[in-house]
Amino acid sequence: MSNPLVKAAIRTKFVLTSRERASEIIRTHADAYRKLTDKIGYGNAAKPIMVPPMIGVDQEMRGWSFFQILEHNAIVNRSIASTVESLALGKEPSGAALINPKTDVLPKGLSGPDQVESFRQSIDDYLAMVETLPTLRGTAATPHPIFGAFDAHKWHCMFGFHLGLHLKQAEKVLLLLQS
């Protein structure tokens, strides 16, 4: 995504989004993924499905199964969680926060039914953790690979935004499985 206007719009959206609203978006997306899991079923969830080009879905991500989408999200969720917690507590990000966004977020090829619980747990753990943190706005910032420097609040907003991008992909996977 190289359009500076789109980048500015997303950054502005994050600035205007409250912490509570960002958490609500995460919960809403989590519920939508749960419903998709029920509709797809475990048998179909392992089938790789090629989706058409989509915003936020890189070429190497387009042929993923539903389980692979969940695995990817769980990896990114844990990375964002680590980043938000570190920034909110005034610590230098480390561990899961330090990933290569092109390689470390790709499914490891072990995507199966266990990814459903891993995905759910990554969201539940994050929402519980973020409730315990002090102010998220105005913390130190770390770079997002596309949108520039984010403080803890913008990373909190990115958590739900990222879920939403891949939710569209997951919905398209279901649609293609049904056709």
N, C-alpha and C. Protein backbone atom coordinates (compact mmCIF):
# COMPACT_ATOMS: atom_id res chain seq x y z
N MET A 1 0.86 -1.17 0.00
CA MET A 1 0.00 0.00 0.00
C MET A 1 0.91 1.23 0.00
N SER A 2 0.95 1.91 -1.11
CA SER A 2 1.86 3.03 -1.22
C SER A 2 1.13 4.37 -1.31
N ASN A 3 -0.17 4.37 -1.29
CA ASN A 3 -0.94 5.60 -1.40
C ASN A 3 -0.86 6.41 -0.11
N PRO A 4 -0.19 7.58 -0.15
CA PRO A 4 -0.04 8.38 1.07
C PRO A 4 -1.37 8.87 1.64
N LEU A 5 -2.35 9.08 0.78
CA LEU A 5 -3.67 9.53 1.25
C LEU A 5 -4.36 8.44 2.07
N VAL A 6 -4.26 7.19 1.61
CA VAL A 6 -4.85 6.07 2.34
C VAL A 6 -4.14 5.89 3.68
N LYS A 7 -2.82 5.97 3.66
CA LYS A 7 -2.06 5.86 4.91
C LYS A 7 -2.47 6.94 5.90
N ALA A 8 -2.60 8.17 5.42
CA ALA A 8 -3.00 9.28 6.29
C ALA A 8 -4.42 9.07 6.83
N ALA A 9 -5.30 8.55 5.99
CA ALA A 9 -6.68 8.31 6.41
C ALA A 9 -6.74 7.27 7.52
N ILE A 10 -5.96 6.21 7.38
CA ILE A 10 -5.95 5.15 8.39
C ILE A 10 -5.36 5.67 9.70
N ARG A 11 -4.27 6.40 9.61
CA ARG A 11 -3.67 6.98 10.82
C ARG A 11 -4.65 7.92 11.51
N THR A 12 -5.36 8.73 10.73
CA THR A 12 -6.35 9.65 11.30
C THR A 12 -7.49 8.88 11.95
N LYS A 13 -7.93 7.82 11.30
CA LYS A 13 -8.98 6.98 11.88
C LYS A 13 -8.55 6.45 13.25
N PHE A 14 -7.31 6.00 13.35
CA PHE A 14 -6.81 5.48 14.62
C PHE A 14 -6.76 6.56 15.69
N VAL A 15 -6.36 7.77 15.31
CA VAL A 15 -6.32 8.88 16.26
C VAL A 15 -7.72 9.18 16.80
N LEU A 16 -8.71 9.09 15.93
CA LEU A 16 -10.09 9.42 16.30
C LEU A 16 -10.84 8.27 16.98
N THR A 17 -10.25 7.09 17.00
CA THR A 17 -10.87 5.92 17.61
C THR A 17 -10.50 5.85 19.08
N SER A 18 -11.51 5.70 19.93
CA SER A 18 -11.25 5.57 21.36
C SER A 18 -10.71 4.18 21.67
N ARG A 19 -10.09 4.07 22.80
CA ARG A 19 -9.57 2.77 23.26
C ARG A 19 -10.71 1.76 23.36
N GLU A 20 -11.84 2.20 23.92
CA GLU A 20 -13.00 1.32 24.09
C GLU A 20 -13.55 0.87 22.75
N ARG A 21 -13.62 1.80 21.79
CA ARG A 21 -14.14 1.46 20.46
C ARG A 21 -13.20 0.47 19.78
N ALA A 22 -11.89 0.67 19.93
CA ALA A 22 -10.93 -0.27 19.33
C ALA A 22 -11.13 -1.67 19.90
N SER A 23 -11.34 -1.77 21.21
CA SER A 23 -11.58 -3.08 21.84
C SER A 23 -12.90 -3.68 21.35
N GLU A 24 -13.90 -2.84 21.16
CA GLU A 24 -15.20 -3.31 20.66
C GLU A 24 -15.06 -3.87 19.24
N ILE A 25 -14.27 -3.22 18.41
CA ILE A 25 -14.03 -3.70 17.05
C ILE A 25 -13.36 -5.07 17.09
N ILE A 26 -12.40 -5.24 17.98
CA ILE A 26 -11.72 -6.54 18.12
C ILE A 26 -12.73 -7.61 18.51
N ARG A 27 -13.59 -7.33 19.49
CA ARG A 27 -14.60 -8.31 19.92
C ARG A 27 -15.56 -8.65 18.78
N THR A 28 -15.98 -7.65 18.04
CA THR A 28 -16.90 -7.86 16.92
C THR A 28 -16.28 -8.76 15.86
N HIS A 29 -15.04 -8.48 15.52
CA HIS A 29 -14.34 -9.33 14.53
C HIS A 29 -14.15 -10.74 15.06
N ALA A 30 -13.80 -10.88 16.34
CA ALA A 30 -13.63 -12.21 16.93
C ALA A 30 -14.92 -13.01 16.82
N ASP A 31 -16.05 -12.36 17.10
CA ASP A 31 -17.35 -13.04 16.98
C ASP A 31 -17.62 -13.46 15.54
N ALA A 32 -17.26 -12.61 14.59
CA ALA A 32 -17.47 -12.95 13.17
C ALA A 32 -16.61 -14.15 12.77
N TYR A 33 -15.38 -14.22 13.26
CA TYR A 33 -14.53 -15.38 12.98
C TYR A 33 -15.13 -16.64 13.61
N ARG A 34 -15.68 -16.53 14.80
CA ARG A 34 -16.29 -17.71 15.45
C ARG A 34 -17.45 -18.24 14.61
N LYS A 35 -18.26 -17.33 14.09
CA LYS A 35 -19.39 -17.74 13.25
C LYS A 35 -18.90 -18.39 11.95
N LEU A 36 -17.84 -17.83 11.37
CA LEU A 36 -17.28 -18.43 10.15
C LEU A 36 -16.74 -19.83 10.42
N THR A 37 -16.12 -20.01 11.58
CA THR A 37 -15.59 -21.33 11.94
C THR A 37 -16.70 -22.36 11.93
N ASP A 38 -17.85 -21.99 12.49
CA ASP A 38 -18.99 -22.90 12.53
C ASP A 38 -19.51 -23.20 11.12
N LYS A 39 -19.53 -22.19 10.26
CA LYS A 39 -20.05 -22.36 8.90
C LYS A 39 -19.11 -23.18 8.03
N ILE A 40 -17.82 -22.94 8.15
CA ILE A 40 -16.85 -23.63 7.30
C ILE A 40 -16.69 -25.09 7.71
N GLY A 41 -16.65 -25.33 9.02
CA GLY A 41 -16.43 -26.69 9.50
C GLY A 41 -14.97 -27.08 9.38
N TYR A 42 -14.53 -27.98 10.22
CA TYR A 42 -13.12 -28.34 10.29
C TYR A 42 -12.63 -29.03 9.02
N GLY A 43 -13.48 -29.77 8.35
CA GLY A 43 -13.07 -30.47 7.12
C GLY A 43 -12.68 -29.50 6.03
N ASN A 44 -13.49 -28.50 5.80
CA ASN A 44 -13.21 -27.51 4.75
C ASN A 44 -12.18 -26.48 5.17
N ALA A 45 -12.00 -26.28 6.47
CA ALA A 45 -11.11 -25.22 6.96
C ALA A 45 -9.65 -25.48 6.63
N ALA A 46 -9.31 -26.71 6.30
CA ALA A 46 -7.91 -27.03 5.97
C ALA A 46 -7.61 -26.90 4.48
N LYS A 47 -8.63 -26.64 3.66
CA LYS A 47 -8.43 -26.57 2.22
C LYS A 47 -7.92 -25.19 1.80
N PRO A 48 -6.75 -25.15 1.16
CA PRO A 48 -6.26 -23.86 0.65
C PRO A 48 -7.17 -23.37 -0.47
N ILE A 49 -7.53 -22.11 -0.41
CA ILE A 49 -8.42 -21.51 -1.41
C ILE A 49 -7.78 -20.24 -1.93
N MET A 50 -7.65 -20.12 -3.25
CA MET A 50 -7.07 -18.92 -3.85
C MET A 50 -8.15 -17.85 -3.96
N VAL A 51 -7.92 -16.74 -3.26
CA VAL A 51 -8.85 -15.61 -3.32
C VAL A 51 -8.31 -14.60 -4.33
N PRO A 52 -9.19 -13.77 -4.88
CA PRO A 52 -8.70 -12.73 -5.80
C PRO A 52 -7.86 -11.71 -5.04
N PRO A 53 -7.13 -10.87 -5.74
CA PRO A 53 -6.36 -9.82 -5.05
C PRO A 53 -7.27 -9.01 -4.12
N MET A 54 -6.78 -8.77 -2.91
CA MET A 54 -7.55 -8.05 -1.90
C MET A 54 -6.62 -7.07 -1.18
N ILE A 55 -7.15 -5.95 -0.78
CA ILE A 55 -6.37 -4.98 -0.01
C ILE A 55 -5.94 -5.63 1.30
N GLY A 56 -4.66 -5.53 1.60
CA GLY A 56 -4.12 -6.06 2.84
C GLY A 56 -3.76 -7.53 2.81
N VAL A 57 -4.01 -8.20 1.70
CA VAL A 57 -3.68 -9.62 1.56
C VAL A 57 -2.60 -9.73 0.48
N ASP A 58 -1.37 -9.93 0.93
CA ASP A 58 -0.24 -10.03 0.00
C ASP A 58 -0.39 -11.26 -0.90
N GLN A 59 0.31 -11.23 -2.01
CA GLN A 59 0.23 -12.32 -2.99
C GLN A 59 0.45 -13.69 -2.34
N GLU A 60 1.46 -13.81 -1.47
CA GLU A 60 1.78 -15.11 -0.87
C GLU A 60 0.74 -15.54 0.17
N MET A 61 -0.20 -14.67 0.49
CA MET A 61 -1.26 -14.99 1.46
C MET A 61 -2.57 -15.39 0.79
N ARG A 62 -2.66 -15.19 -0.50
CA ARG A 62 -3.94 -15.36 -1.19
C ARG A 62 -4.40 -16.81 -1.29
N GLY A 63 -3.52 -17.79 -1.18
CA GLY A 63 -3.89 -19.19 -1.33
C GLY A 63 -4.00 -19.94 -0.02
N TRP A 64 -4.28 -19.25 1.06
CA TRP A 64 -4.35 -19.87 2.38
C TRP A 64 -5.68 -20.55 2.65
N SER A 65 -5.63 -21.53 3.54
CA SER A 65 -6.84 -22.14 4.07
C SER A 65 -7.36 -21.26 5.22
N PHE A 66 -8.56 -21.54 5.67
CA PHE A 66 -9.12 -20.81 6.82
C PHE A 66 -8.24 -21.00 8.04
N PHE A 67 -7.76 -22.23 8.27
CA PHE A 67 -6.86 -22.47 9.40
C PHE A 67 -5.58 -21.64 9.30
N GLN A 68 -5.04 -21.50 8.09
CA GLN A 68 -3.83 -20.69 7.91
C GLN A 68 -4.10 -19.22 8.20
N ILE A 69 -5.27 -18.73 7.84
CA ILE A 69 -5.65 -17.34 8.17
C ILE A 69 -5.69 -17.17 9.68
N LEU A 70 -6.28 -18.14 10.38
CA LEU A 70 -6.32 -18.07 11.85
C LEU A 70 -4.91 -18.11 12.44
N GLU A 71 -4.06 -18.99 11.91
CA GLU A 71 -2.69 -19.09 12.42
C GLU A 71 -1.94 -17.77 12.22
N HIS A 72 -2.06 -17.20 11.04
CA HIS A 72 -1.43 -15.91 10.76
C HIS A 72 -1.92 -14.84 11.74
N ASN A 73 -3.22 -14.78 11.92
CA ASN A 73 -3.78 -13.78 12.84
C ASN A 73 -3.27 -13.99 14.26
N ALA A 74 -3.19 -15.22 14.71
CA ALA A 74 -2.70 -15.48 16.08
C ALA A 74 -1.25 -15.01 16.23
N ILE A 75 -0.43 -15.24 15.22
CA ILE A 75 0.96 -14.78 15.26
C ILE A 75 1.01 -13.26 15.36
N VAL A 76 0.27 -12.59 14.48
CA VAL A 76 0.25 -11.12 14.48
C VAL A 76 -0.36 -10.60 15.77
N ASN A 77 -1.42 -11.25 16.24
CA ASN A 77 -2.06 -10.82 17.49
C ASN A 77 -1.06 -10.82 18.64
N ARG A 78 -0.27 -11.88 18.75
CA ARG A 78 0.70 -11.97 19.85
C ARG A 78 1.81 -10.93 19.69
N SER A 79 2.18 -10.65 18.47
CA SER A 79 3.21 -9.63 18.24
C SER A 79 2.68 -8.24 18.63
N ILE A 80 1.47 -7.92 18.20
CA ILE A 80 0.89 -6.62 18.56
C ILE A 80 0.69 -6.55 20.07
N ALA A 81 0.25 -7.63 20.69
CA ALA A 81 0.05 -7.64 22.15
C ALA A 81 1.36 -7.31 22.86
N SER A 82 2.42 -7.93 22.45
CA SER A 82 3.73 -7.69 23.07
C SER A 82 4.16 -6.24 22.86
N THR A 83 3.92 -5.71 21.68
CA THR A 83 4.28 -4.33 21.37
C THR A 83 3.47 -3.36 22.22
N VAL A 84 2.15 -3.55 22.28
CA VAL A 84 1.28 -2.66 23.06
C VAL A 84 1.69 -2.68 24.52
N GLU A 85 1.88 -3.87 25.06
CA GLU A 85 2.23 -3.99 26.48
C GLU A 85 3.56 -3.29 26.77
N SER A 86 4.56 -3.53 25.94
CA SER A 86 5.87 -2.91 26.14
C SER A 86 5.78 -1.39 26.09
N LEU A 87 5.13 -0.87 25.06
CA LEU A 87 5.03 0.58 24.91
C LEU A 87 4.24 1.21 26.05
N ALA A 88 3.14 0.59 26.44
CA ALA A 88 2.30 1.14 27.50
C ALA A 88 3.01 1.14 28.85
N LEU A 89 3.92 0.19 29.05
CA LEU A 89 4.65 0.11 30.31
C LEU A 89 6.01 0.81 30.25
N GLY A 90 6.28 1.48 29.13
CA GLY A 90 7.53 2.22 29.00
C GLY A 90 8.75 1.35 28.84
N LYS A 91 8.56 0.15 28.33
CA LYS A 91 9.67 -0.78 28.13
C LYS A 91 10.03 -0.85 26.65
N GLU A 92 11.24 -1.29 26.39
CA GLU A 92 11.68 -1.52 25.02
C GLU A 92 11.02 -2.79 24.50
N PRO A 93 10.33 -2.73 23.36
CA PRO A 93 9.73 -3.95 22.81
C PRO A 93 10.76 -5.05 22.61
N SER A 94 10.37 -6.28 22.92
CA SER A 94 11.25 -7.43 22.77
C SER A 94 10.40 -8.66 22.50
N GLY A 95 11.04 -9.78 22.34
CA GLY A 95 10.33 -11.05 22.16
C GLY A 95 9.42 -11.03 20.94
N ALA A 96 8.15 -11.37 21.17
CA ALA A 96 7.18 -11.48 20.08
C ALA A 96 6.97 -10.16 19.34
N ALA A 97 7.31 -9.03 19.98
CA ALA A 97 7.15 -7.73 19.33
C ALA A 97 8.15 -7.54 18.19
N LEU A 98 9.24 -8.27 18.23
CA LEU A 98 10.30 -8.09 17.24
C LEU A 98 10.21 -9.19 16.19
N ILE A 99 9.44 -8.93 15.17
CA ILE A 99 9.25 -9.91 14.10
C ILE A 99 9.58 -9.29 12.76
N ASN A 100 9.89 -10.15 11.81
CA ASN A 100 10.02 -9.74 10.43
C ASN A 100 8.62 -9.84 9.82
N PRO A 101 8.00 -8.71 9.45
CA PRO A 101 6.61 -8.74 8.98
C PRO A 101 6.41 -9.45 7.64
N LYS A 102 7.47 -9.79 6.98
CA LYS A 102 7.33 -10.51 5.70
C LYS A 102 7.47 -12.02 5.86
N THR A 103 8.20 -12.47 6.88
CA THR A 103 8.46 -13.90 6.99
C THR A 103 7.92 -14.52 8.29
N ASP A 104 8.04 -13.81 9.39
CA ASP A 104 7.68 -14.39 10.69
C ASP A 104 6.18 -14.52 10.92
N VAL A 105 5.39 -13.90 10.07
CA VAL A 105 3.93 -13.94 10.24
C VAL A 105 3.26 -15.00 9.36
N LEU A 106 4.07 -15.72 8.59
CA LEU A 106 3.51 -16.73 7.69
C LEU A 106 3.21 -18.02 8.47
N PRO A 107 2.11 -18.69 8.13
CA PRO A 107 1.81 -19.98 8.79
C PRO A 107 2.97 -20.95 8.63
N LYS A 108 3.13 -21.79 9.61
CA LYS A 108 4.27 -22.71 9.65
C LYS A 108 3.96 -24.07 9.01
N GLY A 109 2.77 -24.20 8.41
CA GLY A 109 2.42 -25.44 7.76
C GLY A 109 1.77 -26.46 8.69
N LEU A 110 1.51 -26.07 9.91
CA LEU A 110 0.89 -26.97 10.88
C LEU A 110 -0.55 -26.56 11.16
N SER A 111 -1.14 -25.84 10.22
CA SER A 111 -2.46 -25.27 10.43
C SER A 111 -3.54 -26.34 10.42
N GLY A 112 -4.11 -26.56 11.58
CA GLY A 112 -5.20 -27.51 11.73
C GLY A 112 -6.20 -26.99 12.75
N PRO A 113 -7.05 -27.86 13.22
CA PRO A 113 -8.11 -27.45 14.15
C PRO A 113 -7.60 -26.75 15.41
N ASP A 114 -6.36 -27.06 15.83
CA ASP A 114 -5.82 -26.39 17.01
C ASP A 114 -5.66 -24.89 16.81
N GLN A 115 -5.66 -24.44 15.56
CA GLN A 115 -5.54 -23.01 15.29
C GLN A 115 -6.77 -22.23 15.73
N VAL A 116 -7.91 -22.89 15.79
CA VAL A 116 -9.13 -22.21 16.24
C VAL A 116 -8.95 -21.74 17.68
N GLU A 117 -8.49 -22.63 18.54
CA GLU A 117 -8.30 -22.28 19.95
C GLU A 117 -7.13 -21.31 20.13
N SER A 118 -6.06 -21.50 19.38
CA SER A 118 -4.92 -20.60 19.46
C SER A 118 -5.32 -19.17 19.08
N PHE A 119 -6.11 -19.05 18.03
CA PHE A 119 -6.61 -17.75 17.58
C PHE A 119 -7.48 -17.11 18.66
N ARG A 120 -8.46 -17.87 19.14
CA ARG A 120 -9.36 -17.34 20.18
C ARG A 120 -8.58 -16.92 21.42
N GLN A 121 -7.63 -17.75 21.83
CA GLN A 121 -6.85 -17.44 23.02
C GLN A 121 -6.01 -16.18 22.84
N SER A 122 -5.48 -15.99 21.62
CA SER A 122 -4.66 -14.79 21.37
C SER A 122 -5.49 -13.52 21.53
N ILE A 123 -6.76 -13.58 21.16
CA ILE A 123 -7.64 -12.42 21.30
C ILE A 123 -8.06 -12.25 22.76
N ASP A 124 -8.48 -13.33 23.40
CA ASP A 124 -8.90 -13.25 24.80
C ASP A 124 -7.76 -12.76 25.69
N ASP A 125 -6.57 -13.30 25.48
CA ASP A 125 -5.40 -12.87 26.26
C ASP A 125 -5.11 -11.39 26.03
N TYR A 126 -5.19 -10.97 24.78
CA TYR A 126 -4.91 -9.57 24.46
C TYR A 126 -5.90 -8.63 25.14
N LEU A 127 -7.19 -8.92 24.99
CA LEU A 127 -8.20 -8.03 25.56
C LEU A 127 -8.10 -7.97 27.08
N ALA A 128 -7.78 -9.09 27.71
CA ALA A 128 -7.60 -9.08 29.17
C ALA A 128 -6.38 -8.26 29.55
N MET A 129 -5.29 -8.40 28.81
CA MET A 129 -4.07 -7.66 29.10
C MET A 129 -4.25 -6.17 28.89
N VAL A 130 -4.87 -5.79 27.79
CA VAL A 130 -4.98 -4.36 27.46
C VAL A 130 -5.83 -3.62 28.49
N GLU A 131 -6.76 -4.32 29.12
CA GLU A 131 -7.58 -3.71 30.18
C GLU A 131 -6.75 -3.32 31.39
N THR A 132 -5.63 -3.96 31.60
CA THR A 132 -4.80 -3.70 32.78
C THR A 132 -3.78 -2.59 32.57
N LEU A 133 -3.66 -2.12 31.33
CA LEU A 133 -2.61 -1.16 31.01
C LEU A 133 -3.02 0.28 31.29
N PRO A 134 -2.02 1.11 31.61
CA PRO A 134 -2.31 2.53 31.78
C PRO A 134 -2.60 3.16 30.41
N THR A 135 -2.51 4.41 30.30
CA THR A 135 -2.79 5.13 29.06
C THR A 135 -2.00 4.56 27.89
N LEU A 136 -2.68 4.43 26.78
CA LEU A 136 -2.04 3.92 25.56
C LEU A 136 -1.59 5.06 24.65
N ARG A 137 -2.26 6.17 24.71
CA ARG A 137 -1.92 7.30 23.83
C ARG A 137 -0.68 8.02 24.34
N GLY A 138 0.14 8.45 23.39
CA GLY A 138 1.29 9.27 23.73
C GLY A 138 2.49 8.52 24.27
N THR A 139 2.49 7.21 24.15
CA THR A 139 3.65 6.43 24.58
C THR A 139 4.76 6.58 23.54
N ALA A 140 5.88 5.99 23.82
CA ALA A 140 6.91 5.88 22.79
C ALA A 140 6.29 5.12 21.62
N ALA A 141 6.91 5.23 20.48
CA ALA A 141 6.36 4.60 19.28
C ALA A 141 7.37 3.65 18.66
N THR A 142 6.83 2.67 17.95
CA THR A 142 7.66 1.77 17.14
C THR A 142 7.08 1.76 15.73
N PRO A 143 7.91 1.46 14.75
CA PRO A 143 7.44 1.55 13.36
C PRO A 143 6.53 0.40 12.95
N HIS A 144 5.46 0.73 12.29
CA HIS A 144 4.66 -0.24 11.56
C HIS A 144 5.28 -0.32 10.16
N PRO A 145 5.36 -1.50 9.55
CA PRO A 145 6.05 -1.61 8.26
C PRO A 145 5.41 -0.83 7.11
N ILE A 146 4.16 -0.44 7.25
CA ILE A 146 3.49 0.29 6.17
C ILE A 146 3.09 1.70 6.60
N PHE A 147 2.58 1.84 7.82
CA PHE A 147 1.94 3.08 8.24
C PHE A 147 2.80 4.02 9.07
N GLY A 148 4.05 3.66 9.34
CA GLY A 148 4.92 4.54 10.11
C GLY A 148 4.84 4.28 11.60
N ALA A 149 5.34 5.24 12.38
CA ALA A 149 5.45 5.07 13.82
C ALA A 149 4.08 5.04 14.50
N PHE A 150 3.89 4.04 15.34
CA PHE A 150 2.65 3.88 16.11
C PHE A 150 2.97 3.88 17.59
N ASP A 151 2.19 4.63 18.37
CA ASP A 151 2.24 4.49 19.83
C ASP A 151 1.38 3.29 20.21
N ALA A 152 1.27 3.01 21.50
CA ALA A 152 0.50 1.83 21.94
C ALA A 152 -0.96 1.91 21.49
N HIS A 153 -1.54 3.11 21.49
CA HIS A 153 -2.94 3.24 21.08
C HIS A 153 -3.14 2.89 19.61
N LYS A 154 -2.27 3.39 18.76
CA LYS A 154 -2.41 3.08 17.32
C LYS A 154 -2.19 1.58 17.08
N TRP A 155 -1.27 0.97 17.82
CA TRP A 155 -1.09 -0.48 17.70
C TRP A 155 -2.36 -1.21 18.17
N HIS A 156 -2.99 -0.69 19.22
CA HIS A 156 -4.26 -1.28 19.70
C HIS A 156 -5.31 -1.21 18.59
N CYS A 157 -5.40 -0.09 17.93
CA CYS A 157 -6.34 0.04 16.80
C CYS A 157 -5.96 -0.88 15.65
N MET A 158 -4.65 -1.05 15.42
CA MET A 158 -4.18 -1.92 14.33
C MET A 158 -4.59 -3.36 14.56
N PHE A 159 -4.67 -3.78 15.81
CA PHE A 159 -5.06 -5.16 16.13
C PHE A 159 -6.40 -5.47 15.46
N GLY A 160 -7.40 -4.64 15.69
CA GLY A 160 -8.72 -4.86 15.09
C GLY A 160 -8.72 -4.63 13.59
N PHE A 161 -7.99 -3.64 13.13
CA PHE A 161 -7.91 -3.35 11.70
C PHE A 161 -7.35 -4.56 10.95
N HIS A 162 -6.30 -5.15 11.48
CA HIS A 162 -5.68 -6.32 10.86
C HIS A 162 -6.65 -7.50 10.84
N LEU A 163 -7.35 -7.71 11.96
CA LEU A 163 -8.36 -8.79 11.98
C LEU A 163 -9.40 -8.57 10.88
N GLY A 164 -9.80 -7.32 10.69
CA GLY A 164 -10.81 -7.00 9.68
C GLY A 164 -10.34 -7.28 8.26
N LEU A 165 -9.07 -6.99 7.97
CA LEU A 165 -8.54 -7.27 6.63
C LEU A 165 -8.65 -8.76 6.31
N HIS A 166 -8.22 -9.59 7.26
CA HIS A 166 -8.23 -11.02 7.00
C HIS A 166 -9.60 -11.64 7.21
N LEU A 167 -10.49 -10.94 7.90
CA LEU A 167 -11.88 -11.41 7.98
C LEU A 167 -12.51 -11.39 6.59
N LYS A 168 -12.22 -10.35 5.82
CA LYS A 168 -12.74 -10.29 4.44
C LYS A 168 -12.20 -11.46 3.62
N GLN A 169 -10.94 -11.79 3.84
CA GLN A 169 -10.33 -12.93 3.15
C GLN A 169 -11.03 -14.23 3.58
N ALA A 170 -11.25 -14.39 4.87
CA ALA A 170 -11.90 -15.60 5.40
C ALA A 170 -13.32 -15.73 4.87
N GLU A 171 -14.02 -14.61 4.78
CA GLU A 171 -15.39 -14.64 4.24
C GLU A 171 -15.37 -15.05 2.77
N LYS A 172 -14.37 -14.59 2.04
CA LYS A 172 -14.23 -14.95 0.62
C LYS A 172 -13.90 -16.45 0.50
N VAL A 173 -13.07 -16.96 1.40
CA VAL A 173 -12.76 -18.39 1.40
C VAL A 173 -14.05 -19.19 1.57
N LEU A 174 -14.89 -18.81 2.53
CA LEU A 174 -16.17 -19.50 2.74
C LEU A 174 -17.03 -19.44 1.48
N LEU A 175 -17.13 -18.28 0.89
CA LEU A 175 -17.94 -18.10 -0.31
C LEU A 175 -17.44 -19.01 -1.44
N LEU A 176 -16.13 -19.07 -1.61
CA LEU A 176 -15.57 -19.92 -2.67
C LEU A 176 -15.73 -21.40 -2.36
N LEU A 177 -15.69 -21.76 -1.09
CA LEU A 177 -15.93 -23.16 -0.71
C LEU A 177 -17.37 -23.58 -1.00
N GLN A 178 -18.28 -22.63 -0.87
CA GLN A 178 -19.70 -22.92 -1.07
C GLN A 178 -20.10 -22.94 -2.54
N SER A 179 -19.23 -22.38 -3.41
CA SER A 179 -19.60 -22.32 -4.83
C SER A 179 -19.08 -23.51 -5.60
